[in-house]
Amino acid sequence: MRILKIATIAAVLSVPALAEAQIKQPGAHPRYSFELEPHFVFGWVGGPRFYGDEGIGAGLRASIPFIDNGPIDTINNNMGITFGLDYLYYDFDDCYYYGLNFNLCNNYDFDAHSFWLPVAMQWNFFVHRRISVFGEVGLAIEHVRYSFVQPCPPGIPGPYCEYDDSDTRIRFVFYPGARFMVADTVGITVRIGFPHLTAGVSFLL
């Protein structure tokens, strides 16, 4: 039992040392030309107008490293460009439009479909043989198709009418995240960023 306790303490104390050793070994990371990552997406902030922030969906990300070891050549890091497509679905939020409460929401389906095309710079830091952390900063084209209600124009029966519309704009994106390798070329990738959270599987090709 004492030996088990000593081994456990030694293993816990050795984790920071292993991480430090790995980050201080320039180039000691998987060599890959392309990373493909299908993932689930959760939109937690910045949803389409008149809708809640919470959206769910799926996406695909591709990343291409263009600096194999750098831009800091004294640590274990690389840099690349990442791009892809994300889709999110949003429900209507609280049945409000211009401050007016509608009782129609129980009878109609008001929703939004959001498509994101992000392009960002990805900087990876390999802190362990199986763990890397990264940051992504860039821009995304967001295209949203949504339905909404508003007072009907003169000559149209009914107090409120349903309309469809779309909107396209440029959005800022920031994604800190981590990659946990379960094999030499396969890992679990998680982003906890703005405006989305993602979780998916990475394939290093």
Protein backbone atom coordinates (compact mmCIF):
# COMPACT_ATOMS: atom_id res chain seq x y z
CA MET A 1 0.00 0.00 0.00
CA ARG A 2 2.84 2.38 0.86
CA ILE A 3 4.50 1.63 -2.48
CA LEU A 4 1.22 2.41 -4.28
CA LYS A 5 0.90 5.74 -2.49
CA ILE A 6 4.49 6.68 -3.30
CA ALA A 7 3.99 5.75 -6.96
CA THR A 8 0.79 7.81 -7.15
CA ILE A 9 2.44 10.88 -5.62
CA ALA A 10 5.42 10.51 -7.94
CA ALA A 11 3.15 10.28 -10.99
CA VAL A 12 1.21 13.41 -10.00
CA LEU A 13 4.37 15.37 -9.32
CA SER A 14 5.91 14.29 -12.61
CA VAL A 15 3.08 15.66 -14.82
CA PRO A 16 4.31 19.31 -14.75
CA ALA A 17 7.85 18.11 -15.40
CA LEU A 18 6.72 16.04 -18.40
CA ALA A 19 4.77 18.98 -19.80
CA GLU A 20 7.68 21.33 -19.31
CA ALA A 21 10.04 18.87 -20.95
CA GLN A 22 7.75 18.46 -23.97
CA ILE A 23 7.17 22.19 -24.54
CA LYS A 24 10.93 22.72 -24.37
CA GLN A 25 11.63 20.19 -27.14
CA PRO A 26 11.27 22.09 -30.44
CA GLY A 27 9.81 19.93 -33.19
CA ALA A 28 8.76 17.05 -30.89
CA HIS A 29 5.21 16.86 -32.24
CA PRO A 30 3.35 14.89 -34.94
CA ARG A 31 4.28 15.75 -38.52
CA TYR A 32 1.16 16.37 -40.59
CA SER A 33 0.26 18.29 -43.73
CA PHE A 34 -3.47 18.54 -43.15
CA GLU A 35 -5.87 18.27 -40.20
CA LEU A 36 -9.53 17.35 -40.76
CA GLU A 37 -11.97 17.83 -37.90
CA PRO A 38 -15.73 17.10 -37.95
CA HIS A 39 -17.35 18.47 -34.80
CA PHE A 40 -20.51 19.41 -32.93
CA VAL A 41 -21.18 23.13 -32.35
CA PHE A 42 -22.95 24.95 -29.52
CA GLY A 43 -23.63 28.67 -29.98
CA TRP A 44 -23.66 30.28 -26.55
CA VAL A 45 -23.54 33.99 -27.42
CA GLY A 46 -24.23 36.33 -30.32
CA GLY A 47 -27.15 34.50 -31.92
CA PRO A 48 -29.30 35.98 -34.73
CA ARG A 49 -31.50 38.97 -33.89
CA PHE A 50 -34.70 38.27 -31.93
CA TYR A 51 -33.51 34.73 -31.18
CA GLY A 52 -31.85 33.26 -28.12
CA ASP A 53 -28.09 32.94 -27.99
CA GLU A 54 -28.27 29.15 -27.69
CA GLY A 55 -27.93 27.33 -30.99
CA ILE A 56 -26.86 23.78 -31.78
CA GLY A 57 -25.40 22.23 -34.90
CA ALA A 58 -22.42 20.60 -36.56
CA GLY A 59 -19.47 21.59 -38.68
CA LEU A 60 -16.23 20.67 -40.37
CA ARG A 61 -12.84 22.31 -39.91
CA ALA A 62 -9.65 21.91 -41.92
CA SER A 63 -6.25 23.20 -40.82
CA ILE A 64 -2.99 23.47 -42.76
CA PRO A 65 0.27 24.17 -40.88
CA PHE A 66 2.66 26.51 -42.70
CA ILE A 67 5.32 26.78 -39.95
CA ASP A 68 6.36 23.32 -38.76
CA ASN A 69 8.23 24.59 -35.72
CA GLY A 70 7.66 28.21 -34.84
CA PRO A 71 7.19 31.10 -34.84
CA ILE A 72 9.11 30.63 -31.55
CA ASP A 73 11.88 28.22 -32.51
CA THR A 74 12.97 27.53 -28.91
CA ILE A 75 9.73 25.80 -27.87
CA ASN A 76 7.54 23.04 -29.28
CA ASN A 77 4.97 24.94 -31.36
CA ASN A 78 3.63 25.32 -34.88
CA MET A 79 1.33 27.70 -36.74
CA GLY A 80 -1.21 27.23 -39.49
CA ILE A 81 -4.38 28.47 -41.12
CA THR A 82 -7.76 26.94 -40.25
CA PHE A 83 -11.03 27.24 -42.15
CA GLY A 84 -14.35 25.45 -42.46
CA LEU A 85 -18.14 25.51 -42.32
CA ASP A 86 -20.45 25.44 -39.27
CA TYR A 87 -24.26 25.17 -39.20
CA LEU A 88 -26.40 26.15 -36.19
CA TYR A 89 -30.14 26.02 -35.57
CA TYR A 90 -31.85 28.61 -33.30
CA ASP A 91 -35.34 28.74 -31.80
CA PHE A 92 -37.39 31.92 -31.40
CA ASP A 93 -36.66 33.65 -28.08
CA ASP A 94 -39.46 34.59 -25.65
CA CYS A 95 -41.99 35.58 -28.35
CA TYR A 96 -40.89 39.23 -28.49
CA TYR A 97 -40.54 41.60 -31.42
CA TYR A 98 -39.84 45.31 -30.91
CA GLY A 99 -40.85 44.98 -27.26
CA LEU A 100 -44.30 43.52 -28.00
CA ASN A 101 -45.33 40.17 -26.58
CA PHE A 102 -47.08 37.80 -28.97
CA ASN A 103 -49.38 34.93 -28.10
CA LEU A 104 -48.85 33.40 -31.53
CA CYS A 105 -45.62 31.62 -30.66
CA ASN A 106 -47.38 28.49 -29.51
CA ASN A 107 -49.05 28.17 -32.90
CA TYR A 108 -46.20 29.03 -35.25
CA ASP A 109 -42.65 27.81 -35.72
CA PHE A 110 -40.18 30.70 -35.64
CA ASP A 111 -36.59 29.63 -36.21
CA ALA A 112 -33.24 30.61 -37.68
CA HIS A 113 -30.58 28.72 -39.64
CA SER A 114 -27.06 30.11 -39.31
CA PHE A 115 -24.13 29.22 -41.58
CA TRP A 116 -20.57 30.22 -40.61
CA LEU A 117 -17.45 30.18 -42.79
CA PRO A 118 -14.55 30.92 -40.42
CA VAL A 119 -10.95 31.61 -41.48
CA ALA A 120 -8.43 32.00 -38.65
CA MET A 121 -4.81 31.74 -37.66
CA GLN A 122 -4.11 28.71 -35.46
CA TRP A 123 -1.14 28.63 -33.06
CA ASN A 124 -0.45 25.24 -31.44
CA PHE A 125 1.64 24.58 -28.31
CA PHE A 126 2.55 20.94 -27.70
CA VAL A 127 2.78 20.61 -23.93
CA HIS A 128 2.69 16.81 -23.74
CA ARG A 129 3.12 13.86 -26.08
CA ARG A 130 -0.68 13.50 -26.15
CA ILE A 131 -1.85 17.05 -25.35
CA SER A 132 -1.60 20.32 -27.25
CA VAL A 133 -3.31 23.64 -26.63
CA PHE A 134 -4.00 26.30 -29.23
CA GLY A 135 -5.50 29.67 -29.93
CA GLU A 136 -7.39 30.74 -33.07
CA VAL A 137 -8.12 34.34 -34.07
CA GLY A 138 -9.81 35.37 -37.28
CA LEU A 139 -12.98 36.35 -39.11
CA ALA A 140 -16.06 34.50 -40.33
CA ILE A 141 -18.77 35.12 -42.88
CA GLU A 142 -22.13 34.48 -41.22
CA HIS A 143 -25.24 33.91 -43.34
CA VAL A 144 -28.55 33.59 -41.50
CA ARG A 145 -31.97 32.66 -42.81
CA TYR A 146 -34.75 33.35 -40.31
CA SER A 147 -38.49 33.77 -39.92
CA PHE A 148 -40.13 36.41 -37.74
CA VAL A 149 -43.44 38.15 -37.01
CA GLN A 150 -44.45 41.80 -37.26
CA PRO A 151 -47.68 43.79 -37.68
CA CYS A 152 -49.36 43.04 -41.01
CA PRO A 153 -49.34 45.81 -43.66
CA PRO A 154 -52.60 47.57 -44.55
CA GLY A 155 -54.99 45.38 -46.52
CA ILE A 156 -53.65 42.11 -45.12
CA PRO A 157 -56.00 40.40 -42.61
CA GLY A 158 -54.74 39.64 -39.16
CA PRO A 159 -52.81 41.72 -36.64
CA TYR A 160 -49.47 39.96 -37.20
CA CYS A 161 -47.85 38.30 -40.19
CA GLU A 162 -44.95 35.88 -40.55
CA TYR A 163 -42.04 36.76 -42.83
CA ASP A 164 -38.83 35.12 -44.03
CA ASP A 165 -35.60 37.03 -44.43
CA SER A 166 -31.84 36.57 -44.56
CA ASP A 167 -28.76 38.45 -43.45
CA THR A 168 -25.02 38.18 -44.19
CA ARG A 169 -22.25 39.84 -42.20
CA ILE A 170 -18.62 39.53 -41.12
CA ARG A 171 -18.02 38.34 -37.54
CA PHE A 172 -14.94 38.20 -35.30
CA VAL A 173 -14.02 34.75 -33.94
CA PHE A 174 -11.72 33.74 -31.10
CA TYR A 175 -11.25 30.09 -30.16
CA PRO A 176 -8.89 28.86 -27.42
CA GLY A 177 -8.89 25.07 -27.30
CA ALA A 178 -7.07 21.80 -26.68
CA ARG A 179 -6.36 18.61 -28.58
CA PHE A 180 -6.08 15.25 -26.79
CA MET A 181 -4.46 12.57 -28.94
CA VAL A 182 -5.85 9.06 -28.45
CA ALA A 183 -3.59 7.66 -31.19
CA ASP A 184 -0.67 8.94 -33.23
CA THR A 185 -2.94 10.58 -35.83
CA VAL A 186 -6.37 10.74 -34.10
CA GLY A 187 -7.41 13.09 -31.32
CA ILE A 188 -10.33 14.73 -29.53
CA THR A 189 -10.45 18.50 -30.09
CA VAL A 190 -12.39 20.95 -27.90
CA ARG A 191 -12.82 24.70 -28.38
CA ILE A 192 -14.15 27.01 -25.67
CA GLY A 193 -14.36 30.26 -27.58
CA PHE A 194 -16.39 33.17 -28.89
CA PRO A 195 -19.07 32.81 -30.13
CA HIS A 196 -19.14 28.99 -30.23
CA LEU A 197 -18.09 25.90 -28.32
CA THR A 198 -17.07 22.88 -30.39
CA ALA A 199 -16.18 19.25 -29.69
CA GLY A 200 -15.01 16.87 -32.38
CA VAL A 201 -12.48 14.37 -33.68
CA SER A 202 -9.24 15.43 -35.38
CA PHE A 203 -7.47 13.39 -38.03
CA LEU A 204 -3.86 14.34 -38.75
CA LEU A 205 -3.08 13.48 -42.37
